[in-house]
Each structure stands twice: as structure tokens, then as C-alpha cells.
């Protein structure tokens, strides 16, 4: 069930009928909602920052290809 934010004496975050945050700020509630959605979709918090890999250019792919066939 998706996480929902409700304005009640601050903001409240609910997911699956459970209240996971109450009386918090809008920014913190949005952050909590994103965290719960990520967990629901299989993300596992490890404490390490995310590693972003850029796409290789065709030139880099070609160099790897040649290197592997020597």
C-alpha cells in the first residue's frame, strides 16, 4: 500500500494502516514517504551513498572490445 501524507497537527505519514511519522514538518514527511516507497519497491538501506555509473561512449566500448580480443 502506498505511503500517504495527511495534515493533522503538523503532518502524519501512514502506510498500510500504520502511522510511521506524526506531528512532523512537510519536508520531513515527504522524505519519510519517499523512504517508505523505496523500501516497498525493494530498496535496502545500507548506509552507503548511491553509486551512479555513467553510460560508456561508443569509443570506450570499442576500446574495451579491442582490449578483450588481443
PDB file of N, CA and C in Angstrom:
ATOM      1  N   UNK A   1       0.850  -1.173   0.000  1.00  0.00           N
ATOM      2  CA  UNK A   1       0.000   0.000   0.000  1.00  0.00           C
ATOM      3  C   UNK A   1       0.901   1.244   0.000  1.00  0.00           C
ATOM      4  N   UNK A   2       0.585   2.230  -0.812  1.00  0.00           N
ATOM      5  CA  UNK A   2       1.438   3.421  -0.877  1.00  0.00           C
ATOM      6  C   UNK A   2       1.375   4.249   0.404  1.00  0.00           C
ATOM      7  N   UNK A   3       2.469   4.930   0.671  1.00  0.00           N
ATOM      8  CA  UNK A   3       2.526   5.810   1.838  1.00  0.00           C
ATOM      9  C   UNK A   3       1.732   7.073   1.537  1.00  0.00           C
ATOM     10  N   UNK A   4       1.026   7.571   2.531  1.00  0.00           N
ATOM     11  CA  UNK A   4       0.200   8.756   2.350  1.00  0.00           C
ATOM     12  C   UNK A   4       0.526   9.787   3.429  1.00  0.00           C
ATOM     13  N   UNK A   5       0.441  11.052   3.028  1.00  0.00           N
ATOM     14  CA  UNK A   5       0.685  12.153   3.954  1.00  0.00           C
ATOM     15  C   UNK A   5      -0.641  12.845   4.224  1.00  0.00           C
ATOM     16  N   UNK A   6      -0.877  13.129   5.504  1.00  0.00           N
ATOM     17  CA  UNK A   6      -2.121  13.780   5.911  1.00  0.00           C
ATOM     18  C   UNK A   6      -1.764  14.926   6.855  1.00  0.00           C
ATOM     19  N   UNK A   7      -2.428  16.062   6.685  1.00  0.00           N
ATOM     20  CA  UNK A   7      -2.153  17.206   7.542  1.00  0.00           C
ATOM     21  C   UNK A   7      -3.033  17.130   8.792  1.00  0.00           C
ATOM     22  N   UNK A   8      -2.410  16.798   9.921  1.00  0.00           N
ATOM     23  CA  UNK A   8      -3.093  16.689  11.201  1.00  0.00           C
ATOM     24  C   UNK A   8      -2.130  17.201  12.264  1.00  0.00           C
ATOM     25  N   UNK A   9      -2.340  18.401  12.767  1.00  0.00           N
ATOM     26  CA  UNK A   9      -1.441  18.965  13.781  1.00  0.00           C
ATOM     27  C   UNK A   9       0.013  18.759  13.355  1.00  0.00           C
ATOM     28  N   UNK A  10       0.370  19.307  12.226  1.00  0.00           N
ATOM     29  CA  UNK A  10       1.645  19.020  11.577  1.00  0.00           C
ATOM     30  C   UNK A  10       1.317  18.077  10.433  1.00  0.00           C
ATOM     31  N   UNK A  11       2.197  17.145  10.150  1.00  0.00           N
ATOM     32  CA  UNK A  11       1.934  16.174   9.091  1.00  0.00           C
ATOM     33  C   UNK A  11       2.124  14.769   9.623  1.00  0.00           C
ATOM     34  N   UNK A  12       1.327  13.848   9.093  1.00  0.00           N
ATOM     35  CA  UNK A  12       1.336  12.457   9.515  1.00  0.00           C
ATOM     36  C   UNK A  12       1.580  11.585   8.280  1.00  0.00           C
ATOM     37  N   UNK A  13       2.440  10.580   8.405  1.00  0.00           N
ATOM     38  CA  UNK A  13       2.722   9.669   7.299  1.00  0.00           C
ATOM     39  C   UNK A  13       2.185   8.292   7.674  1.00  0.00           C
ATOM     40  N   UNK A  14       1.330   7.743   6.789  1.00  0.00           N
ATOM     41  CA  UNK A  14       0.742   6.424   7.018  1.00  0.00           C
ATOM     42  C   UNK A  14       1.076   5.512   5.851  1.00  0.00           C
ATOM     43  N   UNK A  15       1.266   4.240   6.141  1.00  0.00           N
ATOM     44  CA  UNK A  15       1.425   3.233   5.091  1.00  0.00           C
ATOM     45  C   UNK A  15       0.892   1.918   5.619  1.00  0.00           C
ATOM     46  N   UNK A  16       0.005   1.313   4.865  1.00  0.00           N
ATOM     47  CA  UNK A  16      -0.553   0.026   5.268  1.00  0.00           C
ATOM     48  C   UNK A  16      -1.325   0.087   6.565  1.00  0.00           C
ATOM     49  N   UNK A  17      -1.927   1.223   6.886  1.00  0.00           N
ATOM     50  CA  UNK A  17      -2.700   1.361   8.108  1.00  0.00           C
ATOM     51  C   UNK A  17      -1.865   1.723   9.324  1.00  0.00           C
ATOM     52  N   UNK A  18      -0.538   1.756   9.182  1.00  0.00           N
ATOM     53  CA  UNK A  18       0.343   2.090  10.294  1.00  0.00           C
ATOM     54  C   UNK A  18       0.798   3.533  10.166  1.00  0.00           C
ATOM     55  N   UNK A  19       0.919   4.212  11.287  1.00  0.00           N
ATOM     56  CA  UNK A  19       1.451   5.572  11.299  1.00  0.00           C
ATOM     57  C   UNK A  19       2.946   5.474  11.546  1.00  0.00           C
ATOM     58  N   UNK A  20       3.741   5.995  10.599  1.00  0.00           N
ATOM     59  CA  UNK A  20       5.192   5.906  10.764  1.00  0.00           C
ATOM     60  C   UNK A  20       5.806   7.243  11.146  1.00  0.00           C
ATOM     61  N   UNK A  21       5.060   8.330  11.016  1.00  0.00           N
ATOM     62  CA  UNK A  21       5.548   9.643  11.455  1.00  0.00           C
ATOM     63  C   UNK A  21       4.327  10.499  11.762  1.00  0.00           C
ATOM     64  N   UNK A  22       4.405  11.248  12.842  1.00  0.00           N
ATOM     65  CA  UNK A  22       3.295  12.149  13.145  1.00  0.00           C
ATOM     66  C   UNK A  22       3.830  13.440  13.743  1.00  0.00           C
ATOM     67  N   UNK A  23       3.082  14.508  13.553  1.00  0.00           N
ATOM     68  CA  UNK A  23       3.439  15.816  14.082  1.00  0.00           C
ATOM     69  C   UNK A  23       4.811  16.257  13.581  1.00  0.00           C
ATOM     70  N   UNK A  24       5.039  16.097  12.285  1.00  0.00           N
ATOM     71  CA  UNK A  24       6.321  16.427  11.692  1.00  0.00           C
ATOM     72  C   UNK A  24       6.144  17.529  10.649  1.00  0.00           C
ATOM     73  N   UNK A  25       7.235  18.011  10.091  1.00  0.00           N
ATOM     74  CA  UNK A  25       7.156  19.063   9.077  1.00  0.00           C
ATOM     75  C   UNK A  25       6.828  18.447   7.725  1.00  0.00           C
ATOM     76  N   UNK A  26       6.422  19.295   6.791  1.00  0.00           N
ATOM     77  CA  UNK A  26       6.070  18.808   5.468  1.00  0.00           C
ATOM     78  C   UNK A  26       7.289  18.199   4.762  1.00  0.00           C
ATOM     79  N   UNK A  27       8.460  18.837   4.905  1.00  0.00           N
ATOM     80  CA  UNK A  27       9.667  18.334   4.262  1.00  0.00           C
ATOM     81  C   UNK A  27      10.055  16.955   4.811  1.00  0.00           C
ATOM     82  N   UNK A  28       9.994  16.804   6.123  1.00  0.00           N
ATOM     83  CA  UNK A  28      10.343  15.524   6.739  1.00  0.00           C
ATOM     84  C   UNK A  28       9.327  14.442   6.371  1.00  0.00           C
ATOM     85  N   UNK A  29       8.057  14.832   6.269  1.00  0.00           N
ATOM     86  CA  UNK A  29       7.014  13.882   5.885  1.00  0.00           C
ATOM     87  C   UNK A  29       7.241  13.394   4.459  1.00  0.00           C
ATOM     88  N   UNK A  30       7.601  14.298   3.540  1.00  0.00           N
ATOM     89  CA  UNK A  30       7.887  13.910   2.156  1.00  0.00           C
ATOM     90  C   UNK A  30       9.095  12.974   2.104  1.00  0.00           C
ATOM     91  N   UNK A  31      10.110  13.265   2.890  1.00  0.00           N
ATOM     92  CA  UNK A  31      11.301  12.429   2.943  1.00  0.00           C
ATOM     93  C   UNK A  31      10.954  11.034   3.453  1.00  0.00           C
ATOM     94  N   UNK A  32      10.150  10.965   4.490  1.00  0.00           N
ATOM     95  CA  UNK A  32       9.721   9.682   5.056  1.00  0.00           C
ATOM     96  C   UNK A  32       8.895   8.899   4.042  1.00  0.00           C
ATOM     97  N   UNK A  33       8.017   9.588   3.313  1.00  0.00           N
ATOM     98  CA  UNK A  33       7.188   8.932   2.295  1.00  0.00           C
ATOM     99  C   UNK A  33       8.067   8.322   1.201  1.00  0.00           C
ATOM    100  N   UNK A  34       9.070   9.074   0.743  1.00  0.00           N
ATOM    101  CA  UNK A  34       9.978   8.568  -0.294  1.00  0.00           C
ATOM    102  C   UNK A  34      10.758   7.348   0.216  1.00  0.00           C
ATOM    103  N   UNK A  35      11.200   7.392   1.459  1.00  0.00           N
ATOM    104  CA  UNK A  35      11.907   6.260   2.056  1.00  0.00           C
ATOM    105  C   UNK A  35      11.016   5.018   2.068  1.00  0.00           C
ATOM    106  N   UNK A  36       9.781   5.162   2.514  1.00  0.00           N
ATOM    107  CA  UNK A  36       8.859   4.026   2.594  1.00  0.00           C
ATOM    108  C   UNK A  36       8.532   3.479   1.215  1.00  0.00           C
ATOM    109  N   UNK A  37       8.379   4.363   0.229  1.00  0.00           N
ATOM    110  CA  UNK A  37       8.107   3.914  -1.143  1.00  0.00           C
ATOM    111  C   UNK A  37       9.302   3.135  -1.698  1.00  0.00           C
ATOM    112  N   UNK A  38      10.503   3.600  -1.408  1.00  0.00           N
ATOM    113  CA  UNK A  38      11.700   2.903  -1.869  1.00  0.00           C
ATOM    114  C   UNK A  38      11.799   1.515  -1.266  1.00  0.00           C
ATOM    115  N   UNK A  39      11.539   1.405   0.005  1.00  0.00           N
ATOM    116  CA  UNK A  39      11.581   0.105   0.692  1.00  0.00           C
ATOM    117  C   UNK A  39      10.527  -0.823   0.109  1.00  0.00           C
ATOM    118  N   UNK A  40       9.356  -0.270  -0.168  1.00  0.00           N
ATOM    119  CA  UNK A  40       8.265  -1.063  -0.743  1.00  0.00           C
ATOM    120  C   UNK A  40       8.655  -1.618  -2.116  1.00  0.00           C
ATOM    121  N   UNK A  41       9.498  -0.890  -2.843  1.00  0.00           N
ATOM    122  CA  UNK A  41       9.912  -1.318  -4.178  1.00  0.00           C
ATOM    123  C   UNK A  41      11.224  -2.093  -4.172  1.00  0.00           C
ATOM    124  N   UNK A  42      11.695  -2.511  -2.993  1.00  0.00           N
ATOM    125  CA  UNK A  42      12.846  -3.404  -2.918  1.00  0.00           C
ATOM    126  C   UNK A  42      14.178  -2.758  -2.574  1.00  0.00           C
ATOM    127  N   UNK A  43      14.225  -1.468  -2.323  1.00  0.00           N
ATOM    128  CA  UNK A  43      15.477  -0.813  -1.951  1.00  0.00           C
ATOM    129  C   UNK A  43      15.847  -1.212  -0.542  1.00  0.00           C
ATOM    130  N   UNK A  44      17.138  -1.473  -0.306  1.00  0.00           N
ATOM    131  CA  UNK A  44      17.618  -1.839   1.018  1.00  0.00           C
ATOM    132  C   UNK A  44      18.565  -0.766   1.529  1.00  0.00           C
ATOM    133  N   UNK A  45      18.278  -0.137   2.672  1.00  0.00           N
ATOM    134  CA  UNK A  45      19.178   0.876   3.200  1.00  0.00           C
ATOM    135  C   UNK A  45      20.463   0.235   3.727  1.00  0.00           C
ATOM    136  N   UNK A  46      21.606   0.638   3.175  1.00  0.00           N
ATOM    137  CA  UNK A  46      22.887   0.065   3.600  1.00  0.00           C
ATOM    138  C   UNK A  46      23.731   1.086   4.344  1.00  0.00           C
ATOM    139  N   UNK A  47      23.383   2.353   4.247  1.00  0.00           N
ATOM    140  CA  UNK A  47      24.163   3.396   4.884  1.00  0.00           C
ATOM    141  C   UNK A  47      25.236   3.963   3.973  1.00  0.00           C
ATOM    142  N   UNK A  48      25.436   3.331   2.815  1.00  0.00           N
ATOM    143  CA  UNK A  48      26.424   3.817   1.864  1.00  0.00           C
ATOM    144  C   UNK A  48      25.739   4.743   0.852  1.00  0.00           C
ATOM    145  N   UNK A  49      26.449   5.737   0.351  1.00  0.00           N
ATOM    146  CA  UNK A  49      25.841   6.594  -0.664  1.00  0.00           C
ATOM    147  C   UNK A  49      25.639   5.825  -1.970  1.00  0.00           C
ATOM    148  N   UNK A  50      24.667   6.241  -2.742  1.00  0.00           N
ATOM    149  CA  UNK A  50      24.381   5.591  -4.016  1.00  0.00           C
ATOM    150  C   UNK A  50      25.539   5.803  -4.982  1.00  0.00           C
ATOM    151  N   UNK A  51      25.811   4.803  -5.781  1.00  0.00           N
ATOM    152  CA  UNK A  51      26.871   4.902  -6.775  1.00  0.00           C
ATOM    153  C   UNK A  51      26.200   5.066  -8.132  1.00  0.00           C
ATOM    154  N   UNK A  52      26.522   6.158  -8.790  1.00  0.00           N
ATOM    155  CA  UNK A  52      25.944   6.426 -10.093  1.00  0.00           C
ATOM    156  C   UNK A  52      26.977   6.124 -11.164  1.00  0.00           C
ATOM    157  N   UNK A  53      26.616   5.304 -12.116  1.00  0.00           N
ATOM    158  CA  UNK A  53      27.519   4.959 -13.201  1.00  0.00           C
ATOM    159  C   UNK A  53      27.049   5.678 -14.456  1.00  0.00           C
ATOM    160  N   UNK A  54      28.002   6.326 -15.120  1.00  0.00           N
ATOM    161  CA  UNK A  54      27.625   6.995 -16.356  1.00  0.00           C
ATOM    162  C   UNK A  54      27.700   5.997 -17.496  1.00  0.00           C
ATOM    163  N   UNK A  55      26.968   6.285 -18.558  1.00  0.00           N
ATOM    164  CA  UNK A  55      26.992   5.426 -19.723  1.00  0.00           C
ATOM    165  C   UNK A  55      28.335   5.549 -20.425  1.00  0.00           C
ATOM    166  N   UNK A  56      28.824   4.435 -20.961  1.00  0.00           N
ATOM    167  CA  UNK A  56      30.071   4.463 -21.708  1.00  0.00           C
ATOM    168  C   UNK A  56      29.790   4.968 -23.115  1.00  0.00           C
ATOM    169  N   UNK A  57      30.735   5.715 -23.647  1.00  0.00           N
ATOM    170  CA  UNK A  57      30.609   6.187 -25.014  1.00  0.00           C
ATOM    171  C   UNK A  57      30.936   5.034 -25.958  1.00  0.00           C
ATOM    172  N   UNK A  58      30.562   5.172 -27.196  1.00  0.00           N
ATOM    173  CA  UNK A  58      30.842   4.108 -28.165  1.00  0.00           C
ATOM    174  C   UNK A  58      32.346   3.914 -28.310  1.00  0.00           C
ATOM    175  N   UNK A  59      33.110   4.986 -28.161  1.00  0.00           N
ATOM    176  CA  UNK A  59      34.571   4.881 -28.259  1.00  0.00           C
ATOM    177  C   UNK A  59      35.125   4.024 -27.109  1.00  0.00           C
ATOM    178  N   UNK A  60      34.601   4.252 -25.891  1.00  0.00           N
ATOM    179  CA  UNK A  60      35.042   3.461 -24.742  1.00  0.00           C
ATOM    180  C   UNK A  60      34.650   1.991 -24.903  1.00  0.00           C
ATOM    181  N   UNK A  61      33.451   1.737 -25.419  1.00  0.00           N
ATOM    182  CA  UNK A  61      33.014   0.362 -25.649  1.00  0.00           C
ATOM    183  C   UNK A  61      33.924  -0.322 -26.661  1.00  0.00           C
ATOM    184  N   UNK A  62      34.295   0.413 -27.719  1.00  0.00           N
ATOM    185  CA  UNK A  62      35.167  -0.132 -28.752  1.00  0.00           C
ATOM    186  C   UNK A  62      36.541  -0.473 -28.179  1.00  0.00           C
ATOM    187  N   UNK A  63      37.078   0.417 -27.357  1.00  0.00           N
ATOM    188  CA  UNK A  63      38.385   0.168 -26.740  1.00  0.00           C
ATOM    189  C   UNK A  63      38.358  -1.086 -25.878  1.00  0.00           C
ATOM    190  N   UNK A  64      37.282  -1.275 -25.105  1.00  0.00           N
ATOM    191  CA  UNK A  64      37.137  -2.486 -24.286  1.00  0.00           C
ATOM    192  C   UNK A  64      37.058  -3.724 -25.158  1.00  0.00           C
ATOM    193  N   UNK A  65      36.323  -3.619 -26.240  1.00  0.00           N
ATOM    194  CA  UNK A  65      36.135  -4.739 -27.159  1.00  0.00           C
ATOM    195  C   UNK A  65      37.490  -5.162 -27.742  1.00  0.00           C
ATOM    196  N   UNK A  66      38.268  -4.186 -28.200  1.00  0.00           N
ATOM    197  CA  UNK A  66      39.585  -4.465 -28.777  1.00  0.00           C
ATOM    198  C   UNK A  66      40.521  -5.038 -27.711  1.00  0.00           C
ATOM    199  N   UNK A  67      40.478  -4.472 -26.530  1.00  0.00           N
ATOM    200  CA  UNK A  67      41.337  -4.922 -25.432  1.00  0.00           C
ATOM    201  C   UNK A  67      41.056  -6.385 -25.075  1.00  0.00           C
ATOM    202  N   UNK A  68      39.813  -6.784 -25.106  1.00  0.00           N
ATOM    203  CA  UNK A  68      39.420  -8.157 -24.754  1.00  0.00           C
ATOM    204  C   UNK A  68      39.754  -9.172 -25.827  1.00  0.00           C
ATOM    205  N   UNK A  69      40.023  -8.729 -27.053  1.00  0.00           N
ATOM    206  CA  UNK A  69      40.268  -9.659 -28.162  1.00  0.00           C
ATOM    207  C   UNK A  69      41.737  -9.718 -28.578  1.00  0.00           C
ATOM    208  N   UNK A  70      42.628  -9.294 -27.710  1.00  0.00           N
ATOM    209  CA  UNK A  70      44.058  -9.348 -28.049  1.00  0.00           C
ATOM    210  C   UNK A  70      44.668 -10.632 -27.569  1.00  0.00           C
TER     211      UNK A  70
END
